[in-house]
Amino acid sequence: MIDTFSLALTHGLLMLTAWLLFRRHDLDSEAPSSEDEGAGHRRRWGGRRA
């Protein structure tokens, strides 16, 4: 039997994630931000690309 608490918790976390994603202002923007140019990717993950 599936526990009601585990169902409520997982669905609640999914709803919170979707709500936070849809609240982002850059979601409708098609202009690339400074992080999308590649330098942010290397800085974020700590590696250098050849």
N, C-alpha and C. Protein backbone atom coordinates (compact mmCIF):
# COMPACT_ATOMS: atom_id res chain seq x y z
N MET A 1 0.85 -1.18 0.00
CA MET A 1 0.00 0.00 0.00
C MET A 1 0.90 1.25 0.00
N ILE A 2 0.53 2.22 -0.79
CA ILE A 2 1.31 3.45 -0.90
C ILE A 2 0.90 4.39 0.23
N ASP A 3 1.89 4.88 0.92
CA ASP A 3 1.64 5.78 2.03
C ASP A 3 1.17 7.14 1.51
N THR A 4 0.14 7.68 2.10
CA THR A 4 -0.43 8.97 1.68
C THR A 4 0.57 10.10 1.88
N PHE A 5 1.35 10.03 2.94
CA PHE A 5 2.33 11.08 3.20
C PHE A 5 3.38 11.14 2.10
N SER A 6 3.87 10.00 1.64
CA SER A 6 4.88 10.00 0.60
C SER A 6 4.32 10.53 -0.72
N LEU A 7 3.07 10.20 -1.02
CA LEU A 7 2.42 10.74 -2.22
C LEU A 7 2.25 12.25 -2.12
N ALA A 8 1.79 12.73 -0.98
CA ALA A 8 1.59 14.16 -0.79
C ALA A 8 2.92 14.91 -0.85
N LEU A 9 3.96 14.35 -0.26
CA LEU A 9 5.27 14.99 -0.24
C LEU A 9 5.85 15.11 -1.65
N THR A 10 5.83 14.03 -2.41
CA THR A 10 6.42 14.07 -3.74
C THR A 10 5.62 14.97 -4.68
N HIS A 11 4.29 14.93 -4.60
CA HIS A 11 3.48 15.80 -5.45
C HIS A 11 3.63 17.27 -5.04
N GLY A 12 3.75 17.50 -3.75
CA GLY A 12 3.96 18.86 -3.27
C GLY A 12 5.29 19.42 -3.75
N LEU A 13 6.33 18.61 -3.73
CA LEU A 13 7.64 19.06 -4.20
C LEU A 13 7.63 19.31 -5.71
N LEU A 14 6.92 18.48 -6.45
CA LEU A 14 6.80 18.71 -7.89
C LEU A 14 6.03 19.99 -8.19
N MET A 15 4.99 20.26 -7.44
CA MET A 15 4.23 21.50 -7.63
C MET A 15 5.06 22.72 -7.25
N LEU A 16 5.84 22.63 -6.19
CA LEU A 16 6.72 23.73 -5.80
C LEU A 16 7.77 24.00 -6.87
N THR A 17 8.34 22.96 -7.43
CA THR A 17 9.33 23.11 -8.50
C THR A 17 8.72 23.76 -9.73
N ALA A 18 7.55 23.32 -10.13
CA ALA A 18 6.89 23.91 -11.30
C ALA A 18 6.53 25.37 -11.04
N TRP A 19 6.04 25.68 -9.85
CA TRP A 19 5.68 27.05 -9.51
C TRP A 19 6.91 27.96 -9.55
N LEU A 20 8.03 27.52 -8.99
CA LEU A 20 9.25 28.33 -9.00
C LEU A 20 9.79 28.48 -10.42
N LEU A 21 9.65 27.45 -11.24
CA LEU A 21 10.12 27.54 -12.62
C LEU A 21 9.29 28.54 -13.42
N PHE A 22 7.98 28.50 -13.27
CA PHE A 22 7.12 29.40 -14.03
C PHE A 22 7.18 30.84 -13.54
N ARG A 23 7.67 31.07 -12.33
CA ARG A 23 7.81 32.44 -11.82
C ARG A 23 9.06 33.13 -12.35
N ARG A 24 9.97 32.41 -12.97
CA ARG A 24 11.21 33.02 -13.46
C ARG A 24 10.91 34.02 -14.56
N HIS A 25 11.56 35.18 -14.48
CA HIS A 25 11.34 36.23 -15.47
C HIS A 25 12.06 35.94 -16.78
N ASP A 26 13.14 35.18 -16.74
CA ASP A 26 13.88 34.90 -17.96
C ASP A 26 13.32 33.71 -18.73
N LEU A 27 12.19 33.17 -18.29
CA LEU A 27 11.60 32.03 -18.98
C LEU A 27 11.06 32.42 -20.36
N ASP A 28 10.51 33.63 -20.48
CA ASP A 28 9.97 34.10 -21.75
C ASP A 28 11.01 34.82 -22.60
N SER A 29 12.16 35.08 -22.05
CA SER A 29 13.19 35.82 -22.76
C SER A 29 13.95 34.92 -23.72
N GLU A 30 14.17 35.40 -24.96
CA GLU A 30 14.94 34.62 -25.92
C GLU A 30 16.36 35.14 -26.06
N ALA A 31 16.67 36.27 -25.45
CA ALA A 31 18.01 36.82 -25.51
C ALA A 31 18.91 36.02 -24.56
N PRO A 32 20.08 35.60 -25.02
CA PRO A 32 20.98 34.83 -24.15
C PRO A 32 21.53 35.71 -23.03
N SER A 33 21.58 35.15 -21.85
CA SER A 33 22.17 35.89 -20.74
C SER A 33 23.69 35.70 -20.76
N SER A 34 24.39 36.40 -19.89
CA SER A 34 25.85 36.32 -19.87
C SER A 34 26.33 34.92 -19.46
N GLU A 35 25.53 34.20 -18.70
CA GLU A 35 25.92 32.85 -18.28
C GLU A 35 25.79 31.85 -19.42
N ASP A 36 24.92 32.12 -20.38
CA ASP A 36 24.69 31.18 -21.47
C ASP A 36 25.75 31.24 -22.57
N GLU A 37 26.69 32.15 -22.46
CA GLU A 37 27.69 32.31 -23.52
C GLU A 37 28.82 31.31 -23.43
N GLY A 38 28.88 30.52 -22.41
CA GLY A 38 29.91 29.50 -22.33
C GLY A 38 30.88 29.70 -21.18
N ALA A 39 31.21 30.93 -20.86
CA ALA A 39 32.15 31.18 -19.77
C ALA A 39 31.54 30.78 -18.43
N GLY A 40 30.24 31.01 -18.28
CA GLY A 40 29.57 30.64 -17.05
C GLY A 40 29.52 29.14 -16.87
N HIS A 41 29.39 28.43 -17.96
CA HIS A 41 29.35 26.97 -17.88
C HIS A 41 30.67 26.43 -17.35
N ARG A 42 31.76 26.93 -17.87
CA ARG A 42 33.07 26.46 -17.41
C ARG A 42 33.31 26.87 -15.97
N ARG A 43 32.89 28.07 -15.61
CA ARG A 43 33.10 28.54 -14.26
C ARG A 43 32.25 27.73 -13.28
N ARG A 44 31.03 27.41 -13.69
CA ARG A 44 30.11 26.71 -12.81
C ARG A 44 30.58 25.28 -12.55
N TRP A 45 31.08 24.61 -13.56
CA TRP A 45 31.47 23.21 -13.40
C TRP A 45 32.94 23.03 -13.13
N GLY A 46 33.72 24.10 -13.16
CA GLY A 46 35.11 24.03 -12.75
C GLY A 46 36.07 23.43 -13.76
N GLY A 47 35.64 23.17 -14.95
CA GLY A 47 36.52 22.56 -15.94
C GLY A 47 36.86 23.52 -17.05
N ARG A 48 37.93 23.22 -17.76
CA ARG A 48 38.31 24.01 -18.93
C ARG A 48 38.04 23.22 -20.18
N ARG A 49 37.58 23.91 -21.18
CA ARG A 49 37.36 23.24 -22.44
C ARG A 49 38.52 23.52 -23.37
N ALA A 50 38.88 22.52 -24.13
CA ALA A 50 40.00 22.66 -25.06
C ALA A 50 39.57 23.26 -26.36
